[in-house]
Amino acid sequence: MSTKKILLIDDDTDIQTLTEMGLTLSANWVVLLASSGQEGIEIATAESPDAILLDVMMPDMDGPETLKELRSHPQTQSIPIIFLTAKAQAKDQHTLYAAGADGVITKPFDLNTLATQISDFLEW
């Protein structure tokens, strides 16, 4: 896998730490971290990541609202976005895809296969 720059937007510091470690070790990707939707939008605009992993449930600005904002800005509208969610039901996932997600990965996820899942969704 080629080196990619991934932005993780998640308010859970444990998820941030584990995901960063997993993607760095398994795929040698650069992982940028944001703890809120607003911070994620700012980093995405400045850094132009290859993909964004976006938590669904966050305070202030949730994942779907963050996705809507990212899609409304020319600098970030075409960045692939994969939701990370504890909501595994088909209707919840359908709602996320309808909102414009490029993929949905349910929590808890396997750190050993996370990079492969992302690559499969985005056809890397």
PDB file of N, CA and C in Angstrom:
ATOM      1  N   MET A   1       0.836  -1.187   0.000  1.00  0.00           N
ATOM      2  CA  MET A   1       0.000   0.000   0.000  1.00  0.00           C
ATOM      3  C   MET A   1       0.879   1.249   0.000  1.00  0.00           C
ATOM      4  N   SER A   2       0.517   2.217  -0.814  1.00  0.00           N
ATOM      5  CA  SER A   2       1.296   3.451  -0.853  1.00  0.00           C
ATOM      6  C   SER A   2       0.988   4.296   0.378  1.00  0.00           C
ATOM      7  N   THR A   3       1.895   5.212   0.686  1.00  0.00           N
ATOM      8  CA  THR A   3       1.716   6.070   1.854  1.00  0.00           C
ATOM      9  C   THR A   3       0.551   7.019   1.611  1.00  0.00           C
ATOM     10  N   LYS A   4      -0.364   7.005   2.538  1.00  0.00           N
ATOM     11  CA  LYS A   4      -1.546   7.864   2.468  1.00  0.00           C
ATOM     12  C   LYS A   4      -1.597   8.735   3.708  1.00  0.00           C
ATOM     13  N   LYS A   5      -2.319   9.841   3.587  1.00  0.00           N
ATOM     14  CA  LYS A   5      -2.559  10.728   4.718  1.00  0.00           C
ATOM     15  C   LYS A   5      -4.034  10.608   5.087  1.00  0.00           C
ATOM     16  N   ILE A   6      -4.283  10.141   6.314  1.00  0.00           N
ATOM     17  CA  ILE A   6      -5.639   9.895   6.790  1.00  0.00           C
ATOM     18  C   ILE A   6      -5.941  10.848   7.932  1.00  0.00           C
ATOM     19  N   LEU A   7      -7.105  11.486   7.886  1.00  0.00           N
ATOM     20  CA  LEU A   7      -7.565  12.325   8.985  1.00  0.00           C
ATOM     21  C   LEU A   7      -8.617  11.554   9.770  1.00  0.00           C
ATOM     22  N   LEU A   8      -8.370  11.375  11.059  1.00  0.00           N
ATOM     23  CA  LEU A   8      -9.345  10.753  11.949  1.00  0.00           C
ATOM     24  C   LEU A   8     -10.003  11.847  12.771  1.00  0.00           C
ATOM     25  N   ILE A   9     -11.329  11.946  12.654  1.00  0.00           N
ATOM     26  CA  ILE A   9     -12.096  12.903  13.453  1.00  0.00           C
ATOM     27  C   ILE A   9     -12.916  12.087  14.444  1.00  0.00           C
ATOM     28  N   ASP A  10     -12.493  12.096  15.702  1.00  0.00           N
ATOM     29  CA  ASP A  10     -13.150  11.300  16.742  1.00  0.00           C
ATOM     30  C   ASP A  10     -12.836  11.938  18.082  1.00  0.00           C
ATOM     31  N   ASP A  11     -13.848  12.088  18.936  1.00  0.00           N
ATOM     32  CA  ASP A  11     -13.646  12.731  20.234  1.00  0.00           C
ATOM     33  C   ASP A  11     -13.103  11.774  21.291  1.00  0.00           C
ATOM     34  N   ASP A  12     -12.976  10.498  20.991  1.00  0.00           N
ATOM     35  CA  ASP A  12     -12.481   9.491  21.930  1.00  0.00           C
ATOM     36  C   ASP A  12     -10.966   9.344  21.764  1.00  0.00           C
ATOM     37  N   THR A  13     -10.206   9.762  22.778  1.00  0.00           N
ATOM     38  CA  THR A  13      -8.752   9.726  22.668  1.00  0.00           C
ATOM     39  C   THR A  13      -8.211   8.299  22.568  1.00  0.00           C
ATOM     40  N   ASP A  14      -8.895   7.325  23.166  1.00  0.00           N
ATOM     41  CA  ASP A  14      -8.452   5.922  23.045  1.00  0.00           C
ATOM     42  C   ASP A  14      -8.569   5.454  21.595  1.00  0.00           C
ATOM     43  N   ILE A  15      -9.678   5.788  20.938  1.00  0.00           N
ATOM     44  CA  ILE A  15      -9.860   5.441  19.525  1.00  0.00           C
ATOM     45  C   ILE A  15      -8.787   6.127  18.688  1.00  0.00           C
ATOM     46  N   GLN A  16      -8.510   7.392  18.988  1.00  0.00           N
ATOM     47  CA  GLN A  16      -7.466   8.120  18.259  1.00  0.00           C
ATOM     48  C   GLN A  16      -6.119   7.409  18.371  1.00  0.00           C
ATOM     49  N   THR A  17      -5.737   7.077  19.597  1.00  0.00           N
ATOM     50  CA  THR A  17      -4.437   6.453  19.839  1.00  0.00           C
ATOM     51  C   THR A  17      -4.331   5.104  19.131  1.00  0.00           C
ATOM     52  N   LEU A  18      -5.347   4.260  19.314  1.00  0.00           N
ATOM     53  CA  LEU A  18      -5.313   2.929  18.717  1.00  0.00           C
ATOM     54  C   LEU A  18      -5.342   2.977  17.193  1.00  0.00           C
ATOM     55  N   THR A  19      -6.174   3.836  16.643  1.00  0.00           N
ATOM     56  CA  THR A  19      -6.284   3.932  15.187  1.00  0.00           C
ATOM     57  C   THR A  19      -4.991   4.473  14.587  1.00  0.00           C
ATOM     58  N   GLU A  20      -4.436   5.500  15.199  1.00  0.00           N
ATOM     59  CA  GLU A  20      -3.173   6.053  14.707  1.00  0.00           C
ATOM     60  C   GLU A  20      -2.082   4.984  14.730  1.00  0.00           C
ATOM     61  N   MET A  21      -1.989   4.261  15.839  1.00  0.00           N
ATOM     62  CA  MET A  21      -0.972   3.229  15.959  1.00  0.00           C
ATOM     63  C   MET A  21      -1.197   2.113  14.932  1.00  0.00           C
ATOM     64  N   GLY A  22      -2.448   1.676  14.795  1.00  0.00           N
ATOM     65  CA  GLY A  22      -2.760   0.598  13.865  1.00  0.00           C
ATOM     66  C   GLY A  22      -2.468   0.956  12.416  1.00  0.00           C
ATOM     67  N   LEU A  23      -2.887   2.135  11.973  1.00  0.00           N
ATOM     68  CA  LEU A  23      -2.684   2.530  10.576  1.00  0.00           C
ATOM     69  C   LEU A  23      -1.216   2.864  10.290  1.00  0.00           C
ATOM     70  N   THR A  24      -0.529   3.390  11.270  1.00  0.00           N
ATOM     71  CA  THR A  24       0.889   3.698  11.091  1.00  0.00           C
ATOM     72  C   THR A  24       1.704   2.412  10.986  1.00  0.00           C
ATOM     73  N   LEU A  25       1.435   1.469  11.886  1.00  0.00           N
ATOM     74  CA  LEU A  25       2.210   0.223  11.904  1.00  0.00           C
ATOM     75  C   LEU A  25       1.843  -0.718  10.760  1.00  0.00           C
ATOM     76  N   SER A  26       0.555  -0.856  10.463  1.00  0.00           N
ATOM     77  CA  SER A  26       0.143  -1.838   9.455  1.00  0.00           C
ATOM     78  C   SER A  26       0.280  -1.329   8.022  1.00  0.00           C
ATOM     79  N   ALA A  27       0.126  -0.016   7.807  1.00  0.00           N
ATOM     80  CA  ALA A  27       0.123   0.500   6.439  1.00  0.00           C
ATOM     81  C   ALA A  27       1.150   1.608   6.201  1.00  0.00           C
ATOM     82  N   ASN A  28       1.810   2.050   7.272  1.00  0.00           N
ATOM     83  CA  ASN A  28       2.770   3.143   7.167  1.00  0.00           C
ATOM     84  C   ASN A  28       2.113   4.434   6.663  1.00  0.00           C
ATOM     85  N   TRP A  29       0.849   4.636   7.050  1.00  0.00           N
ATOM     86  CA  TRP A  29       0.134   5.850   6.680  1.00  0.00           C
ATOM     87  C   TRP A  29       0.384   6.936   7.715  1.00  0.00           C
ATOM     88  N   VAL A  30       0.274   8.176   7.276  1.00  0.00           N
ATOM     89  CA  VAL A  30       0.335   9.325   8.174  1.00  0.00           C
ATOM     90  C   VAL A  30      -1.085   9.567   8.674  1.00  0.00           C
ATOM     91  N   VAL A  31      -1.241   9.677   9.991  1.00  0.00           N
ATOM     92  CA  VAL A  31      -2.569   9.870  10.566  1.00  0.00           C
ATOM     93  C   VAL A  31      -2.626  11.226  11.261  1.00  0.00           C
ATOM     94  N   LEU A  32      -3.563  12.055  10.821  1.00  0.00           N
ATOM     95  CA  LEU A  32      -3.831  13.353  11.438  1.00  0.00           C
ATOM     96  C   LEU A  32      -5.018  13.174  12.375  1.00  0.00           C
ATOM     97  N   LEU A  33      -5.007  13.861  13.505  1.00  0.00           N
ATOM     98  CA  LEU A  33      -6.063  13.673  14.499  1.00  0.00           C
ATOM     99  C   LEU A  33      -6.823  14.963  14.772  1.00  0.00           C
ATOM    100  N   ALA A  34      -8.139  14.832  14.875  1.00  0.00           N
ATOM    101  CA  ALA A  34      -9.007  15.941  15.268  1.00  0.00           C
ATOM    102  C   ALA A  34     -10.006  15.408  16.285  1.00  0.00           C
ATOM    103  N   SER A  35     -10.304  16.218  17.291  1.00  0.00           N
ATOM    104  CA  SER A  35     -11.201  15.789  18.365  1.00  0.00           C
ATOM    105  C   SER A  35     -12.626  16.304  18.221  1.00  0.00           C
ATOM    106  N   SER A  36     -12.873  17.106  17.185  1.00  0.00           N
ATOM    107  CA  SER A  36     -14.217  17.652  16.968  1.00  0.00           C
ATOM    108  C   SER A  36     -14.443  17.852  15.480  1.00  0.00           C
ATOM    109  N   GLY A  37     -15.702  17.993  15.127  1.00  0.00           N
ATOM    110  CA  GLY A  37     -16.032  18.241  13.728  1.00  0.00           C
ATOM    111  C   GLY A  37     -15.401  19.518  13.205  1.00  0.00           C
ATOM    112  N   GLN A  38     -15.475  20.583  13.986  1.00  0.00           N
ATOM    113  CA  GLN A  38     -14.917  21.863  13.548  1.00  0.00           C
ATOM    114  C   GLN A  38     -13.405  21.774  13.364  1.00  0.00           C
ATOM    115  N   GLU A  39     -12.718  21.137  14.309  1.00  0.00           N
ATOM    116  CA  GLU A  39     -11.270  20.964  14.188  1.00  0.00           C
ATOM    117  C   GLU A  39     -10.947  20.113  12.961  1.00  0.00           C
ATOM    118  N   GLY A  40     -11.746  19.089  12.720  1.00  0.00           N
ATOM    119  CA  GLY A  40     -11.540  18.233  11.559  1.00  0.00           C
ATOM    120  C   GLY A  40     -11.685  18.978  10.248  1.00  0.00           C
ATOM    121  N   ILE A  41     -12.672  19.859  10.165  1.00  0.00           N
ATOM    122  CA  ILE A  41     -12.875  20.661   8.956  1.00  0.00           C
ATOM    123  C   ILE A  41     -11.661  21.556   8.717  1.00  0.00           C
ATOM    124  N   GLU A  42     -11.156  22.154   9.780  1.00  0.00           N
ATOM    125  CA  GLU A  42      -9.985  23.034   9.653  1.00  0.00           C
ATOM    126  C   GLU A  42      -8.757  22.257   9.183  1.00  0.00           C
ATOM    127  N   ILE A  43      -8.529  21.077   9.757  1.00  0.00           N
ATOM    128  CA  ILE A  43      -7.372  20.266   9.366  1.00  0.00           C
ATOM    129  C   ILE A  43      -7.544  19.755   7.938  1.00  0.00           C
ATOM    130  N   ALA A  44      -8.746  19.308   7.591  1.00  0.00           N
ATOM    131  CA  ALA A  44      -8.995  18.808   6.226  1.00  0.00           C
ATOM    132  C   ALA A  44      -8.742  19.901   5.196  1.00  0.00           C
ATOM    133  N   THR A  45      -9.153  21.112   5.490  1.00  0.00           N
ATOM    134  CA  THR A  45      -8.953  22.238   4.575  1.00  0.00           C
ATOM    135  C   THR A  45      -7.466  22.559   4.413  1.00  0.00           C
ATOM    136  N   ALA A  46      -6.736  22.508   5.517  1.00  0.00           N
ATOM    137  CA  ALA A  46      -5.311  22.865   5.483  1.00  0.00           C
ATOM    138  C   ALA A  46      -4.427  21.742   4.936  1.00  0.00           C
ATOM    139  N   GLU A  47      -4.787  20.493   5.211  1.00  0.00           N
ATOM    140  CA  GLU A  47      -3.887  19.367   4.922  1.00  0.00           C
ATOM    141  C   GLU A  47      -4.272  18.508   3.711  1.00  0.00           C
ATOM    142  N   SER A  48      -5.493  18.625   3.220  1.00  0.00           N
ATOM    143  CA  SER A  48      -5.977  17.818   2.092  1.00  0.00           C
ATOM    144  C   SER A  48      -5.628  16.331   2.238  1.00  0.00           C
ATOM    145  N   PRO A  49      -6.201  15.670   3.242  1.00  0.00           N
ATOM    146  CA  PRO A  49      -5.892  14.249   3.426  1.00  0.00           C
ATOM    147  C   PRO A  49      -6.450  13.404   2.281  1.00  0.00           C
ATOM    148  N   ASP A  50      -5.912  12.190   2.138  1.00  0.00           N
ATOM    149  CA  ASP A  50      -6.390  11.261   1.109  1.00  0.00           C
ATOM    150  C   ASP A  50      -7.756  10.692   1.468  1.00  0.00           C
ATOM    151  N   ALA A  51      -8.059  10.626   2.768  1.00  0.00           N
ATOM    152  CA  ALA A  51      -9.361  10.127   3.234  1.00  0.00           C
ATOM    153  C   ALA A  51      -9.592  10.611   4.657  1.00  0.00           C
ATOM    154  N   ILE A  52     -10.866  10.600   5.052  1.00  0.00           N
ATOM    155  CA  ILE A  52     -11.254  10.997   6.404  1.00  0.00           C
ATOM    156  C   ILE A  52     -12.028   9.857   7.042  1.00  0.00           C
ATOM    157  N   LEU A  53     -11.630   9.496   8.265  1.00  0.00           N
ATOM    158  CA  LEU A  53     -12.397   8.576   9.096  1.00  0.00           C
ATOM    159  C   LEU A  53     -13.161   9.448  10.076  1.00  0.00           C
ATOM    160  N   LEU A  54     -14.470   9.305  10.113  1.00  0.00           N
ATOM    161  CA  LEU A  54     -15.321  10.242  10.846  1.00  0.00           C
ATOM    162  C   LEU A  54     -16.249   9.508  11.808  1.00  0.00           C
ATOM    163  N   ASP A  55     -16.135   9.840  13.085  1.00  0.00           N
ATOM    164  CA  ASP A  55     -17.016   9.288  14.103  1.00  0.00           C
ATOM    165  C   ASP A  55     -18.423   9.857  13.896  1.00  0.00           C
ATOM    166  N   VAL A  56     -19.428   9.045  14.169  1.00  0.00           N
ATOM    167  CA  VAL A  56     -20.809   9.504  13.996  1.00  0.00           C
ATOM    168  C   VAL A  56     -21.264  10.337  15.184  1.00  0.00           C
ATOM    169  N   MET A  57     -21.035   9.835  16.392  1.00  0.00           N
ATOM    170  CA  MET A  57     -21.561  10.498  17.586  1.00  0.00           C
ATOM    171  C   MET A  57     -20.465  11.310  18.275  1.00  0.00           C
ATOM    172  N   MET A  58     -20.563  12.633  18.120  1.00  0.00           N
ATOM    173  CA  MET A  58     -19.643  13.560  18.776  1.00  0.00           C
ATOM    174  C   MET A  58     -20.455  14.734  19.312  1.00  0.00           C
ATOM    175  N   PRO A  59     -19.971  15.367  20.390  1.00  0.00           N
ATOM    176  CA  PRO A  59     -20.687  16.549  20.895  1.00  0.00           C
ATOM    177  C   PRO A  59     -20.541  17.732  19.939  1.00  0.00           C
ATOM    178  N   ASP A  60     -21.389  18.696  20.090  1.00  0.00           N
ATOM    179  CA  ASP A  60     -21.404  19.924  19.293  1.00  0.00           C
ATOM    180  C   ASP A  60     -21.771  19.660  17.837  1.00  0.00           C
ATOM    181  N   MET A  61     -20.857  19.136  17.046  1.00  0.00           N
ATOM    182  CA  MET A  61     -21.114  18.859  15.629  1.00  0.00           C
ATOM    183  C   MET A  61     -20.916  17.358  15.416  1.00  0.00           C
ATOM    184  N   ASP A  62     -22.018  16.634  15.149  1.00  0.00           N
ATOM    185  CA  ASP A  62     -21.892  15.184  14.975  1.00  0.00           C
ATOM    186  C   ASP A  62     -21.330  14.846  13.589  1.00  0.00           C
ATOM    187  N   GLY A  63     -21.118  13.559  13.351  1.00  0.00           N
ATOM    188  CA  GLY A  63     -20.519  13.121  12.100  1.00  0.00           C
ATOM    189  C   GLY A  63     -21.293  13.528  10.851  1.00  0.00           C
ATOM    190  N   PRO A  64     -22.605  13.249  10.785  1.00  0.00           N
ATOM    191  CA  PRO A  64     -23.355  13.652   9.590  1.00  0.00           C
ATOM    192  C   PRO A  64     -23.317  15.163   9.326  1.00  0.00           C
ATOM    193  N   GLU A  65     -23.349  15.962  10.377  1.00  0.00           N
ATOM    194  CA  GLU A  65     -23.269  17.414  10.213  1.00  0.00           C
ATOM    195  C   GLU A  65     -21.870  17.819   9.707  1.00  0.00           C
ATOM    196  N   THR A  66     -20.838  17.154  10.231  1.00  0.00           N
ATOM    197  CA  THR A  66     -19.468  17.408   9.779  1.00  0.00           C
ATOM    198  C   THR A  66     -19.318  17.034   8.314  1.00  0.00           C
ATOM    199  N   LEU A  67     -19.876  15.894   7.931  1.00  0.00           N
ATOM    200  CA  LEU A  67     -19.831  15.458   6.537  1.00  0.00           C
ATOM    201  C   LEU A  67     -20.482  16.500   5.628  1.00  0.00           C
ATOM    202  N   LYS A  68     -21.623  16.997   6.039  1.00  0.00           N
ATOM    203  CA  LYS A  68     -22.334  18.010   5.244  1.00  0.00           C
ATOM    204  C   LYS A  68     -21.472  19.257   5.056  1.00  0.00           C
ATOM    205  N   GLU A  69     -20.802  19.682   6.117  1.00  0.00           N
ATOM    206  CA  GLU A  69     -19.912  20.849   6.021  1.00  0.00           C
ATOM    207  C   GLU A  69     -18.729  20.573   5.100  1.00  0.00           C
ATOM    208  N   LEU A  70     -18.125  19.392   5.242  1.00  0.00           N
ATOM    209  CA  LEU A  70     -16.980  19.037   4.397  1.00  0.00           C
ATOM    210  C   LEU A  70     -17.373  18.998   2.922  1.00  0.00           C
ATOM    211  N   ARG A  71     -18.558  18.500   2.634  1.00  0.00           N
ATOM    212  CA  ARG A  71     -19.028  18.401   1.252  1.00  0.00           C
ATOM    213  C   ARG A  71     -19.399  19.764   0.674  1.00  0.00           C
ATOM    214  N   SER A  72     -19.600  20.766   1.530  1.00  0.00           N
ATOM    215  CA  SER A  72     -19.998  22.091   1.041  1.00  0.00           C
ATOM    216  C   SER A  72     -18.809  22.992   0.703  1.00  0.00           C
ATOM    217  N   HIS A  73     -17.591  22.578   1.042  1.00  0.00           N
ATOM    218  CA  HIS A  73     -16.400  23.391   0.774  1.00  0.00           C
ATOM    219  C   HIS A  73     -15.632  22.831  -0.427  1.00  0.00           C
ATOM    220  N   PRO A  74     -15.253  23.679  -1.382  1.00  0.00           N
ATOM    221  CA  PRO A  74     -14.530  23.206  -2.568  1.00  0.00           C
ATOM    222  C   PRO A  74     -13.242  22.436  -2.240  1.00  0.00           C
ATOM    223  N   GLN A  75     -12.517  22.854  -1.183  1.00  0.00           N
ATOM    224  CA  GLN A  75     -11.249  22.195  -0.853  1.00  0.00           C
ATOM    225  C   GLN A  75     -11.445  20.791  -0.288  1.00  0.00           C
ATOM    226  N   THR A  76     -12.616  20.497   0.276  1.00  0.00           N
ATOM    227  CA  THR A  76     -12.815  19.221   0.959  1.00  0.00           C
ATOM    228  C   THR A  76     -13.947  18.375   0.365  1.00  0.00           C
ATOM    229  N   GLN A  77     -14.659  18.889  -0.614  1.00  0.00           N
ATOM    230  CA  GLN A  77     -15.862  18.194  -1.086  1.00  0.00           C
ATOM    231  C   GLN A  77     -15.597  16.837  -1.716  1.00  0.00           C
ATOM    232  N   SER A  78     -14.407  16.618  -2.262  1.00  0.00           N
ATOM    233  CA  SER A  78     -14.154  15.345  -2.941  1.00  0.00           C
ATOM    234  C   SER A  78     -13.303  14.371  -2.124  1.00  0.00           C
ATOM    235  N   ILE A  79     -12.963  14.733  -0.885  1.00  0.00           N
ATOM    236  CA  ILE A  79     -12.194  13.815  -0.035  1.00  0.00           C
ATOM    237  C   ILE A  79     -13.105  12.666   0.389  1.00  0.00           C
ATOM    238  N   PRO A  80     -12.691  11.411   0.173  1.00  0.00           N
ATOM    239  CA  PRO A  80     -13.509  10.275   0.604  1.00  0.00           C
ATOM    240  C   PRO A  80     -13.678  10.275   2.126  1.00  0.00           C
ATOM    241  N   ILE A  81     -14.894   9.964   2.566  1.00  0.00           N
ATOM    242  CA  ILE A  81     -15.206   9.949   4.002  1.00  0.00           C
ATOM    243  C   ILE A  81     -15.807   8.597   4.363  1.00  0.00           C
ATOM    244  N   ILE A  82     -15.194   7.971   5.366  1.00  0.00           N
ATOM    245  CA  ILE A  82     -15.679   6.694   5.892  1.00  0.00           C
ATOM    246  C   ILE A  82     -16.098   6.925   7.335  1.00  0.00           C
ATOM    247  N   PHE A  83     -17.337   6.572   7.638  1.00  0.00           N
ATOM    248  CA  PHE A  83     -17.819   6.711   9.009  1.00  0.00           C
ATOM    249  C   PHE A  83     -17.336   5.553   9.867  1.00  0.00           C
ATOM    250  N   LEU A  84     -17.021   5.867  11.118  1.00  0.00           N
ATOM    251  CA  LEU A  84     -16.757   4.877  12.149  1.00  0.00           C
ATOM    252  C   LEU A  84     -17.928   4.978  13.116  1.00  0.00           C
ATOM    253  N   THR A  85     -18.635   3.871  13.337  1.00  0.00           N
ATOM    254  CA  THR A  85     -19.827   3.951  14.159  1.00  0.00           C
ATOM    255  C   THR A  85     -20.071   2.682  14.958  1.00  0.00           C
ATOM    256  N   ALA A  86     -20.653   2.851  16.121  1.00  0.00           N
ATOM    257  CA  ALA A  86     -21.078   1.711  16.930  1.00  0.00           C
ATOM    258  C   ALA A  86     -22.457   1.228  16.486  1.00  0.00           C
ATOM    259  N   LYS A  87     -23.125   2.003  15.642  1.00  0.00           N
ATOM    260  CA  LYS A  87     -24.458   1.635  15.156  1.00  0.00           C
ATOM    261  C   LYS A  87     -24.312   0.693  13.965  1.00  0.00           C
ATOM    262  N   ALA A  88     -24.540  -0.582  14.222  1.00  0.00           N
ATOM    263  CA  ALA A  88     -24.277  -1.598  13.204  1.00  0.00           C
ATOM    264  C   ALA A  88     -25.514  -1.996  12.400  1.00  0.00           C
ATOM    265  N   GLN A  89     -26.685  -1.486  12.766  1.00  0.00           N
ATOM    266  CA  GLN A  89     -27.897  -1.890  12.069  1.00  0.00           C
ATOM    267  C   GLN A  89     -27.911  -1.351  10.638  1.00  0.00           C
ATOM    268  N   ALA A  90     -28.488  -2.141   9.751  1.00  0.00           N
ATOM    269  CA  ALA A  90     -28.517  -1.804   8.324  1.00  0.00           C
ATOM    270  C   ALA A  90     -29.170  -0.448   8.074  1.00  0.00           C
ATOM    271  N   LYS A  91     -30.258  -0.133   8.786  1.00  0.00           N
ATOM    272  CA  LYS A  91     -30.941   1.149   8.551  1.00  0.00           C
ATOM    273  C   LYS A  91     -30.055   2.330   8.931  1.00  0.00           C
ATOM    274  N   ASP A  92     -29.245   2.171   9.989  1.00  0.00           N
ATOM    275  CA  ASP A  92     -28.321   3.240  10.377  1.00  0.00           C
ATOM    276  C   ASP A  92     -27.253   3.427   9.306  1.00  0.00           C
ATOM    277  N   GLN A  93     -26.702   2.317   8.812  1.00  0.00           N
ATOM    278  CA  GLN A  93     -25.687   2.403   7.777  1.00  0.00           C
ATOM    279  C   GLN A  93     -26.260   2.993   6.490  1.00  0.00           C
ATOM    280  N   HIS A  94     -27.484   2.607   6.143  1.00  0.00           N
ATOM    281  CA  HIS A  94     -28.131   3.149   4.948  1.00  0.00           C
ATOM    282  C   HIS A  94     -28.257   4.674   5.049  1.00  0.00           C
ATOM    283  N   THR A  95     -28.611   5.161   6.227  1.00  0.00           N
ATOM    284  CA  THR A  95     -28.735   6.608   6.444  1.00  0.00           C
ATOM    285  C   THR A  95     -27.399   7.310   6.218  1.00  0.00           C
ATOM    286  N   LEU A  96     -26.308   6.690   6.672  1.00  0.00           N
ATOM    287  CA  LEU A  96     -24.973   7.291   6.506  1.00  0.00           C
ATOM    288  C   LEU A  96     -24.547   7.301   5.038  1.00  0.00           C
ATOM    289  N   TYR A  97     -24.838   6.205   4.331  1.00  0.00           N
ATOM    290  CA  TYR A  97     -24.523   6.184   2.898  1.00  0.00           C
ATOM    291  C   TYR A  97     -25.367   7.226   2.148  1.00  0.00           C
ATOM    292  N   ALA A  98     -26.630   7.344   2.528  1.00  0.00           N
ATOM    293  CA  ALA A  98     -27.511   8.327   1.883  1.00  0.00           C
ATOM    294  C   ALA A  98     -27.023   9.752   2.127  1.00  0.00           C
ATOM    295  N   ALA A  99     -26.352   9.972   3.256  1.00  0.00           N
ATOM    296  CA  ALA A  99     -25.820  11.304   3.577  1.00  0.00           C
ATOM    297  C   ALA A  99     -24.554  11.611   2.776  1.00  0.00           C
ATOM    298  N   GLY A 100     -23.979  10.594   2.118  1.00  0.00           N
ATOM    299  CA  GLY A 100     -22.807  10.833   1.284  1.00  0.00           C
ATOM    300  C   GLY A 100     -21.540  10.121   1.703  1.00  0.00           C
ATOM    301  N   ALA A 101     -21.652   9.171   2.628  1.00  0.00           N
ATOM    302  CA  ALA A 101     -20.461   8.433   3.065  1.00  0.00           C
ATOM    303  C   ALA A 101     -19.939   7.536   1.949  1.00  0.00           C
ATOM    304  N   ASP A 102     -18.622   7.365   1.909  1.00  0.00           N
ATOM    305  CA  ASP A 102     -17.992   6.450   0.964  1.00  0.00           C
ATOM    306  C   ASP A 102     -17.851   5.055   1.560  1.00  0.00           C
ATOM    307  N   GLY A 103     -18.056   4.944   2.856  1.00  0.00           N
ATOM    308  CA  GLY A 103     -17.969   3.651   3.535  1.00  0.00           C
ATOM    309  C   GLY A 103     -18.411   3.795   4.970  1.00  0.00           C
ATOM    310  N   VAL A 104     -18.693   2.647   5.600  1.00  0.00           N
ATOM    311  CA  VAL A 104     -19.061   2.614   7.007  1.00  0.00           C
ATOM    312  C   VAL A 104     -18.343   1.425   7.641  1.00  0.00           C
ATOM    313  N   ILE A 105     -17.606   1.698   8.698  1.00  0.00           N
ATOM    314  CA  ILE A 105     -16.915   0.657   9.456  1.00  0.00           C
ATOM    315  C   ILE A 105     -17.472   0.695  10.867  1.00  0.00           C
ATOM    316  N   THR A 106     -17.902  -0.466  11.354  1.00  0.00           N
ATOM    317  CA  THR A 106     -18.508  -0.516  12.678  1.00  0.00           C
ATOM    318  C   THR A 106     -17.449  -0.695  13.766  1.00  0.00           C
ATOM    319  N   LYS A 107     -17.718  -0.059  14.892  1.00  0.00           N
ATOM    320  CA  LYS A 107     -16.893  -0.197  16.082  1.00  0.00           C
ATOM    321  C   LYS A 107     -17.475  -1.330  16.925  1.00  0.00           C
ATOM    322  N   PRO A 108     -16.667  -2.109  17.594  1.00  0.00           N
ATOM    323  CA  PRO A 108     -15.212  -2.074  17.543  1.00  0.00           C
ATOM    324  C   PRO A 108     -14.720  -2.677  16.232  1.00  0.00           C
ATOM    325  N   PHE A 109     -13.632  -2.160  15.716  1.00  0.00           N
ATOM    326  CA  PHE A 109     -13.062  -2.664  14.467  1.00  0.00           C
ATOM    327  C   PHE A 109     -11.734  -3.343  14.771  1.00  0.00           C
ATOM    328  N   ASP A 110     -11.284  -4.143  13.836  1.00  0.00           N
ATOM    329  CA  ASP A 110     -10.036  -4.878  13.980  1.00  0.00           C
ATOM    330  C   ASP A 110      -8.896  -4.016  13.448  1.00  0.00           C
ATOM    331  N   LEU A 111      -7.991  -3.620  14.325  1.00  0.00           N
ATOM    332  CA  LEU A 111      -6.880  -2.761  13.909  1.00  0.00           C
ATOM    333  C   LEU A 111      -5.986  -3.428  12.883  1.00  0.00           C
ATOM    334  N   ASN A 112      -5.932  -4.762  12.902  1.00  0.00           N
ATOM    335  CA  ASN A 112      -5.079  -5.487  11.956  1.00  0.00           C
ATOM    336  C   ASN A 112      -5.618  -5.426  10.530  1.00  0.00           C
ATOM    337  N   THR A 113      -6.918  -5.208  10.382  1.00  0.00           N
ATOM    338  CA  THR A 113      -7.516  -5.182   9.044  1.00  0.00           C
ATOM    339  C   THR A 113      -8.092  -3.823   8.669  1.00  0.00           C
ATOM    340  N   LEU A 114      -7.955  -2.829   9.534  1.00  0.00           N
ATOM    341  CA  LEU A 114      -8.555  -1.517   9.276  1.00  0.00           C
ATOM    342  C   LEU A 114      -8.022  -0.893   7.989  1.00  0.00           C
ATOM    343  N   ALA A 115      -6.720  -0.912   7.778  1.00  0.00           N
ATOM    344  CA  ALA A 115      -6.146  -0.323   6.562  1.00  0.00           C
ATOM    345  C   ALA A 115      -6.664  -1.031   5.317  1.00  0.00           C
ATOM    346  N   THR A 116      -6.813  -2.337   5.396  1.00  0.00           N
ATOM    347  CA  THR A 116      -7.339  -3.102   4.263  1.00  0.00           C
ATOM    348  C   THR A 116      -8.797  -2.740   3.999  1.00  0.00           C
ATOM    349  N   GLN A 117      -9.588  -2.594   5.065  1.00  0.00           N
ATOM    350  CA  GLN A 117     -10.989  -2.197   4.897  1.00  0.00           C
ATOM    351  C   GLN A 117     -11.085  -0.831   4.224  1.00  0.00           C
ATOM    352  N   ILE A 118     -10.277   0.107   4.679  1.00  0.00           N
ATOM    353  CA  ILE A 118     -10.285   1.454   4.093  1.00  0.00           C
ATOM    354  C   ILE A 118      -9.891   1.373   2.620  1.00  0.00           C
ATOM    355  N   SER A 119      -8.818   0.636   2.342  1.00  0.00           N
ATOM    356  CA  SER A 119      -8.347   0.490   0.953  1.00  0.00           C
ATOM    357  C   SER A 119      -9.405  -0.150   0.068  1.00  0.00           C
ATOM    358  N   ASP A 120     -10.114  -1.139   0.601  1.00  0.00           N
ATOM    359  CA  ASP A 120     -11.172  -1.798  -0.172  1.00  0.00           C
ATOM    360  C   ASP A 120     -12.310  -0.835  -0.483  1.00  0.00           C
ATOM    361  N   PHE A 121     -12.752  -0.070   0.507  1.00  0.00           N
ATOM    362  CA  PHE A 121     -13.833   0.896   0.286  1.00  0.00           C
ATOM    363  C   PHE A 121     -13.454   1.907  -0.784  1.00  0.00           C
ATOM    364  N   LEU A 122     -12.202   2.350  -0.762  1.00  0.00           N
ATOM    365  CA  LEU A 122     -11.775   3.435  -1.644  1.00  0.00           C
ATOM    366  C   LEU A 122     -11.059   2.947  -2.892  1.00  0.00           C
ATOM    367  N   GLU A 123     -10.992   1.618  -3.047  1.00  0.00           N
ATOM    368  CA  GLU A 123     -10.376   0.986  -4.216  1.00  0.00           C
ATOM    369  C   GLU A 123      -8.947   1.483  -4.429  1.00  0.00           C
ATOM    370  N   TRP A 124      -8.167   1.502  -3.334  1.00  0.00           N
ATOM    371  CA  TRP A 124      -6.759   1.876  -3.401  1.00  0.00           C
ATOM    372  C   TRP A 124      -5.926   0.649  -3.708  1.00  0.00           C
TER     373      TRP A 124
END
